[in-house]
Amino acid sequence: MKTTVTIFCLVLFVSVVSFAQESGNRAYNQQRREPVINSGDLTQGGEQRGAMIEANVLMNLPADGYVAVFGIAQEGSTVEESNAKVDSIITRFKRAAATLGISENDTYVDLITQNKVYEYRQETNAVVEQLKGFESKKTIAVRYKQREQLKAIVDAAAKASIFDLIKVDYVLTDLPAAREKLYEEATKIIKEKEARYKTSFGVKMSPVAVANEKYDAFYPGELYKSYQAYESGDTYGSYNSNSRVIQQRKSSTLYYDPLDPADFDRVMNPLGIEPMIQLTLYLRLEYAINRPTTNP
């Protein structure tokens, strides 16, 4: 069964049921989320002390398809002019994309903003702000099946003067089935731990309630980190203290940093070298300790 999900930029695709983000320019402006992991605290307070058993499962899945989202912005002296410039770029891009086998139905254009642009002019004793024109911003989403197509799509976008790849969405078409597998594996782990505690320590327990059930999905775009690698010199000591220090620009880069498998009880479909969708389930069950009765 397939459902519909609205992706970023309000792009609606009937066949897209779950979405994800691969690294794009937006990766520079986002905070990394972290999954819920085992707490290690299995005690349960109160008059009748009980216990908790936790299970944490990770599943790696390849995408069923992809959606690349590009941003276009153009200025003009009028709204009509700025819109016409954007539309001309989008038309050139669509024509190039068609040669790659991407149909009109696999693209969607969304108007994001249309705003005034101001500039300053120097007068005798003042700097005066004045209206310069208008800026139109639109996005175009492109749906494709094979990950290898992205390079050709980006090249076509660049030839059409589109240089802002905002993000790439990973599409997963059957999220409920994947969650069912996670649940089956998590319940198996909890039963295994319950049996192991009984065998190893003679602890007999009875399940009381599900205390925590947290599904989550982590997509490649969420899992990129940025870093800079350089060694700075020392400006103190041998330099004139009145000298102005002019620093060089240090470039930063991004790298894919998936979830650590060591944080999980079990990993289904271990990750290879290719980024994948990472689904998680944290399950915590409350147990009552069966204590032997004593004769008065």
Protein backbone atom coordinates (compact mmCIF):
# COMPACT_ATOMS: atom_id res chain seq x y z
CA MET A 1 0.00 0.00 0.00
CA LYS A 2 1.30 3.46 -0.88
CA THR A 3 0.44 6.72 0.79
CA THR A 4 1.34 10.30 -0.08
CA VAL A 5 3.82 12.57 1.69
CA THR A 6 4.41 16.27 0.92
CA ILE A 7 8.13 16.93 0.72
CA PHE A 8 10.04 20.13 1.39
CA CYS A 9 9.01 23.05 -0.84
CA LEU A 10 5.44 21.70 -0.87
CA VAL A 11 6.21 19.36 -3.75
CA LEU A 12 3.57 16.62 -3.98
CA PHE A 13 4.23 13.28 -5.66
CA VAL A 14 1.56 10.60 -5.49
CA SER A 15 4.05 7.74 -5.60
CA VAL A 16 6.34 9.15 -2.92
CA VAL A 17 5.42 7.66 0.44
CA SER A 18 8.40 8.48 2.56
CA PHE A 19 11.22 10.89 1.99
CA ALA A 20 14.73 11.55 3.05
CA GLN A 21 17.54 13.97 2.55
CA GLU A 22 20.89 13.32 0.95
CA SER A 23 23.56 15.97 1.29
CA GLY A 24 22.87 19.17 -0.59
CA ASN A 25 23.63 22.80 0.16
CA ARG A 26 21.17 22.74 3.05
CA ALA A 27 23.57 20.44 4.92
CA TYR A 28 25.55 23.55 5.88
CA ASN A 29 22.60 24.86 7.91
CA GLN A 30 21.20 21.91 9.83
CA GLN A 31 21.69 20.27 13.20
CA ARG A 32 22.30 16.54 13.37
CA ARG A 33 19.67 14.50 15.22
CA GLU A 34 20.61 11.54 17.35
CA PRO A 35 18.63 8.32 17.85
CA VAL A 36 17.25 7.07 21.15
CA ILE A 37 19.69 4.46 22.48
CA ASN A 38 19.64 2.02 25.37
CA SER A 39 19.80 3.84 28.72
CA GLY A 40 21.31 0.90 30.59
CA ASP A 41 19.06 1.74 33.57
CA LEU A 42 16.78 -1.28 34.02
CA THR A 43 15.45 -0.49 37.49
CA GLN A 44 11.84 0.38 38.19
CA GLY A 45 11.06 2.09 41.51
CA GLY A 46 7.94 2.14 43.65
CA GLU A 47 6.52 -0.11 46.35
CA GLN A 48 6.66 -3.12 44.07
CA ARG A 49 10.09 -2.90 42.50
CA GLY A 50 10.22 -4.19 38.97
CA ALA A 51 12.59 -4.10 36.02
CA MET A 52 12.91 -2.85 32.44
CA ILE A 53 14.26 -4.62 29.39
CA GLU A 54 15.37 -2.55 26.40
CA ALA A 55 15.90 -3.34 22.75
CA ASN A 56 17.40 -1.06 20.13
CA VAL A 57 17.42 -2.12 16.47
CA LEU A 58 18.93 -0.48 13.39
CA MET A 59 17.96 -1.33 9.80
CA ASN A 60 19.78 -0.06 6.69
CA LEU A 61 17.73 0.14 3.50
CA PRO A 62 18.52 1.28 -0.04
CA ALA A 63 16.25 3.88 -1.62
CA ASP A 64 13.55 3.01 -4.16
CA GLY A 65 14.00 6.36 -5.90
CA TYR A 66 15.26 9.92 -5.48
CA VAL A 67 14.04 13.52 -5.74
CA ALA A 68 16.58 16.32 -6.33
CA VAL A 69 15.48 19.85 -5.44
CA PHE A 70 17.19 22.83 -7.09
CA GLY A 71 16.82 26.53 -6.29
CA ILE A 72 16.72 29.36 -8.85
CA ALA A 73 16.76 33.11 -8.09
CA GLN A 74 16.79 36.01 -10.56
CA GLU A 75 16.46 39.79 -10.27
CA GLY A 76 14.75 42.23 -12.60
CA SER A 77 13.56 45.81 -12.71
CA THR A 78 9.96 44.52 -12.65
CA VAL A 79 8.23 41.44 -11.27
CA GLU A 80 7.47 40.29 -14.79
CA GLU A 81 11.14 40.54 -15.79
CA SER A 82 12.46 38.60 -12.78
CA ASN A 83 9.82 35.88 -13.27
CA ALA A 84 10.59 35.63 -16.98
CA LYS A 85 14.30 35.14 -16.24
CA VAL A 86 13.56 32.32 -13.79
CA ASP A 87 11.10 30.65 -16.17
CA SER A 88 13.60 30.82 -19.02
CA ILE A 89 16.21 29.01 -16.93
CA ILE A 90 13.70 26.37 -15.86
CA THR A 91 12.61 25.80 -19.47
CA ARG A 92 16.22 25.23 -20.57
CA PHE A 93 16.75 22.83 -17.70
CA LYS A 94 13.59 20.83 -18.49
CA ARG A 95 14.66 20.45 -22.11
CA ALA A 96 18.05 19.13 -21.03
CA ALA A 97 16.44 16.82 -18.47
CA ALA A 98 14.14 15.39 -21.14
CA THR A 99 17.20 14.13 -23.02
CA LEU A 100 18.10 12.17 -19.85
CA GLY A 101 14.74 10.39 -19.87
CA ILE A 102 13.10 12.64 -17.28
CA SER A 103 9.55 13.49 -18.32
CA GLU A 104 7.46 16.55 -17.50
CA ASN A 105 5.56 14.46 -14.91
CA ASP A 106 8.84 13.86 -13.09
CA THR A 107 9.39 17.58 -12.43
CA TYR A 108 7.57 20.12 -10.29
CA VAL A 109 8.14 23.89 -10.15
CA ASP A 110 7.22 25.79 -6.99
CA LEU A 111 7.17 29.58 -6.50
CA ILE A 112 8.95 30.27 -3.20
CA THR A 113 9.23 34.06 -2.84
CA GLN A 114 8.81 37.23 -4.83
CA ASN A 115 10.26 40.24 -3.07
CA LYS A 116 11.61 43.75 -3.52
CA VAL A 117 15.37 44.37 -3.72
CA TYR A 118 16.92 47.57 -2.41
CA GLU A 119 20.28 49.28 -2.90
CA TYR A 120 22.02 52.43 -1.62
CA ARG A 121 23.11 55.56 -3.46
CA GLN A 122 25.52 58.21 -2.25
CA GLU A 123 24.18 61.74 -1.92
CA THR A 124 26.04 64.82 -0.67
CA ASN A 125 25.81 64.14 3.05
CA ALA A 126 23.83 60.92 3.19
CA VAL A 127 23.54 57.38 1.92
CA VAL A 128 19.98 56.84 0.70
CA GLU A 129 18.25 53.50 0.30
CA GLN A 130 16.18 53.06 -2.85
CA LEU A 131 14.25 50.39 -4.68
CA LYS A 132 16.45 48.53 -7.17
CA GLY A 133 13.96 45.99 -8.51
CA PHE A 134 12.45 42.61 -7.72
CA GLU A 135 13.72 39.11 -7.09
CA SER A 136 11.84 35.89 -7.91
CA LYS A 137 12.82 32.59 -6.32
CA LYS A 138 11.54 29.20 -7.41
CA THR A 139 12.49 25.59 -6.86
CA ILE A 140 12.28 22.68 -9.25
CA ALA A 141 12.08 19.10 -8.00
CA VAL A 142 13.27 16.30 -10.27
CA ARG A 143 12.31 12.68 -9.65
CA TYR A 144 14.58 9.86 -10.87
CA LYS A 145 15.17 6.17 -10.19
CA GLN A 146 18.92 5.50 -10.35
CA ARG A 147 21.35 7.26 -8.06
CA GLU A 148 23.92 7.46 -10.88
CA GLN A 149 21.59 9.82 -12.77
CA LEU A 150 22.25 12.65 -10.33
CA LYS A 151 25.56 13.66 -11.91
CA ALA A 152 23.98 14.09 -15.33
CA ILE A 153 21.07 16.02 -13.79
CA VAL A 154 23.45 18.36 -11.93
CA ASP A 155 25.46 18.91 -15.11
CA ALA A 156 22.27 19.76 -17.01
CA ALA A 157 21.27 22.18 -14.25
CA ALA A 158 24.65 23.91 -14.35
CA LYS A 159 24.41 24.37 -18.15
CA ALA A 160 21.05 26.05 -17.56
CA SER A 161 22.67 28.37 -14.95
CA ILE A 162 21.22 26.51 -11.92
CA PHE A 163 23.91 26.10 -9.28
CA ASP A 164 21.95 25.59 -6.05
CA LEU A 165 21.30 21.91 -5.32
CA ILE A 166 19.26 22.30 -2.13
CA LYS A 167 18.91 18.62 -1.27
CA VAL A 168 18.30 15.12 -2.58
CA ASP A 169 15.43 13.13 -1.11
CA TYR A 170 15.70 9.36 -0.69
CA VAL A 171 12.33 7.68 -1.39
CA LEU A 172 11.19 4.61 0.55
CA THR A 173 7.93 3.17 -0.74
CA ASP A 174 6.96 0.74 2.02
CA LEU A 175 7.84 2.18 5.40
CA PRO A 176 5.15 0.17 7.31
CA ALA A 177 6.67 -3.14 6.17
CA ALA A 178 10.14 -2.04 7.29
CA ARG A 179 8.79 -0.99 10.69
CA GLU A 180 7.11 -4.36 11.08
CA LYS A 181 10.46 -6.08 10.61
CA LEU A 182 12.04 -3.75 13.17
CA TYR A 183 9.29 -4.58 15.66
CA GLU A 184 9.66 -8.33 15.16
CA GLU A 185 13.41 -8.07 15.74
CA ALA A 186 13.04 -5.86 18.82
CA THR A 187 10.52 -8.20 20.49
CA LYS A 188 12.82 -11.15 19.76
CA ILE A 189 15.72 -9.34 21.45
CA ILE A 190 13.64 -8.55 24.55
CA LYS A 191 12.51 -12.19 24.89
CA GLU A 192 16.11 -13.35 24.47
CA LYS A 193 17.26 -10.99 27.22
CA GLU A 194 14.44 -12.10 29.52
CA ALA A 195 15.42 -15.75 29.04
CA ARG A 196 19.11 -14.95 29.54
CA TYR A 197 18.49 -13.12 32.83
CA LYS A 198 16.49 -16.10 34.08
CA THR A 199 19.17 -18.62 33.04
CA SER A 200 22.12 -16.60 34.29
CA PHE A 201 20.73 -15.11 37.49
CA GLY A 202 17.53 -16.97 38.25
CA VAL A 203 15.51 -13.77 37.79
CA LYS A 204 11.88 -14.60 36.95
CA MET A 205 9.84 -11.79 35.45
CA SER A 206 6.37 -11.20 34.02
CA PRO A 207 5.71 -8.51 31.39
CA VAL A 208 3.50 -5.68 32.63
CA ALA A 209 3.41 -2.97 29.97
CA VAL A 210 5.22 -1.39 27.03
CA ALA A 211 7.05 1.57 28.57
CA ASN A 212 8.54 3.09 25.40
CA GLU A 213 8.20 2.52 21.65
CA LYS A 214 10.08 4.98 19.44
CA TYR A 215 10.46 4.56 15.69
CA ASP A 216 12.72 6.93 13.78
CA ALA A 217 14.19 7.35 10.32
CA PHE A 218 17.56 8.92 9.47
CA TYR A 219 18.34 9.85 5.91
CA PRO A 220 21.75 10.55 4.35
CA GLY A 221 21.32 14.33 4.25
CA GLU A 222 20.85 14.39 8.02
CA LEU A 223 24.03 12.43 8.63
CA TYR A 224 26.64 14.62 6.96
CA LYS A 225 29.08 16.51 9.16
CA SER A 226 31.32 19.43 8.24
CA TYR A 227 34.95 19.90 9.19
CA GLN A 228 38.01 21.99 8.44
CA ALA A 229 41.57 20.65 8.33
CA TYR A 230 44.45 23.11 8.72
CA GLU A 231 47.22 24.25 11.05
CA SER A 232 47.37 27.95 11.95
CA GLY A 233 50.59 29.84 12.51
CA ASP A 234 51.46 31.87 15.62
CA THR A 235 51.15 35.65 15.32
CA TYR A 236 52.59 36.37 18.75
CA GLY A 237 56.16 37.03 19.81
CA SER A 238 58.08 37.68 16.62
CA TYR A 239 55.51 40.00 15.02
CA ASN A 240 54.83 43.69 15.57
CA SER A 241 51.87 43.99 17.93
CA ASN A 242 50.49 46.87 15.87
CA SER A 243 50.31 44.77 12.69
CA ARG A 244 46.93 43.83 11.34
CA VAL A 245 46.43 40.08 10.96
CA ILE A 246 44.90 39.08 7.62
CA GLN A 247 43.79 35.46 7.58
CA GLN A 248 43.28 33.20 4.59
CA ARG A 249 39.89 31.63 3.94
CA LYS A 250 39.80 28.03 5.13
CA SER A 251 37.41 25.87 3.19
CA SER A 252 35.19 23.37 4.95
CA THR A 253 33.91 20.10 3.55
CA LEU A 254 31.28 17.51 4.39
CA TYR A 255 31.50 13.79 4.99
CA TYR A 256 28.91 11.05 5.53
CA ASP A 257 28.84 9.90 9.15
CA PRO A 258 26.16 7.20 9.62
CA LEU A 259 24.74 6.03 12.93
CA ASP A 260 27.17 4.00 15.01
CA PRO A 261 26.19 0.29 14.95
CA ALA A 262 27.76 -0.10 18.40
CA ASP A 263 24.79 1.81 19.86
CA PHE A 264 22.35 -0.92 18.84
CA ASP A 265 21.56 -4.44 20.02
CA ARG A 266 21.21 -5.61 16.44
CA VAL A 267 21.84 -4.24 12.95
CA MET A 268 19.71 -5.54 10.09
CA ASN A 269 21.33 -5.36 6.65
CA PRO A 270 24.73 -3.95 7.73
CA LEU A 271 25.83 -0.76 6.00
CA GLY A 272 28.34 -0.96 3.18
CA ILE A 273 30.12 1.99 1.57
CA GLU A 274 26.99 3.54 0.03
CA PRO A 275 24.75 5.87 2.10
CA MET A 276 21.41 4.30 2.92
CA ILE A 277 18.22 5.10 4.78
CA GLN A 278 18.68 4.14 8.44
CA LEU A 279 15.55 3.12 10.36
CA THR A 280 15.59 2.61 14.13
CA LEU A 281 13.29 1.27 16.82
CA TYR A 282 13.80 1.67 20.56
CA LEU A 283 11.52 -0.65 22.55
CA ARG A 284 11.39 -0.72 26.36
CA LEU A 285 9.24 -3.20 28.26
CA GLU A 286 8.26 -3.06 31.93
CA TYR A 287 8.42 -6.30 33.95
CA ALA A 288 7.31 -7.37 37.40
CA ILE A 289 9.76 -9.47 39.41
CA ASN A 290 8.24 -12.78 40.49
CA ARG A 291 9.52 -13.25 44.01
CA PRO A 292 9.03 -16.57 45.83
CA THR A 293 6.38 -16.49 48.53
CA THR A 294 7.44 -17.28 52.11
CA ASN A 295 5.36 -19.18 54.69
CA PRO A 296 4.40 -17.16 57.79
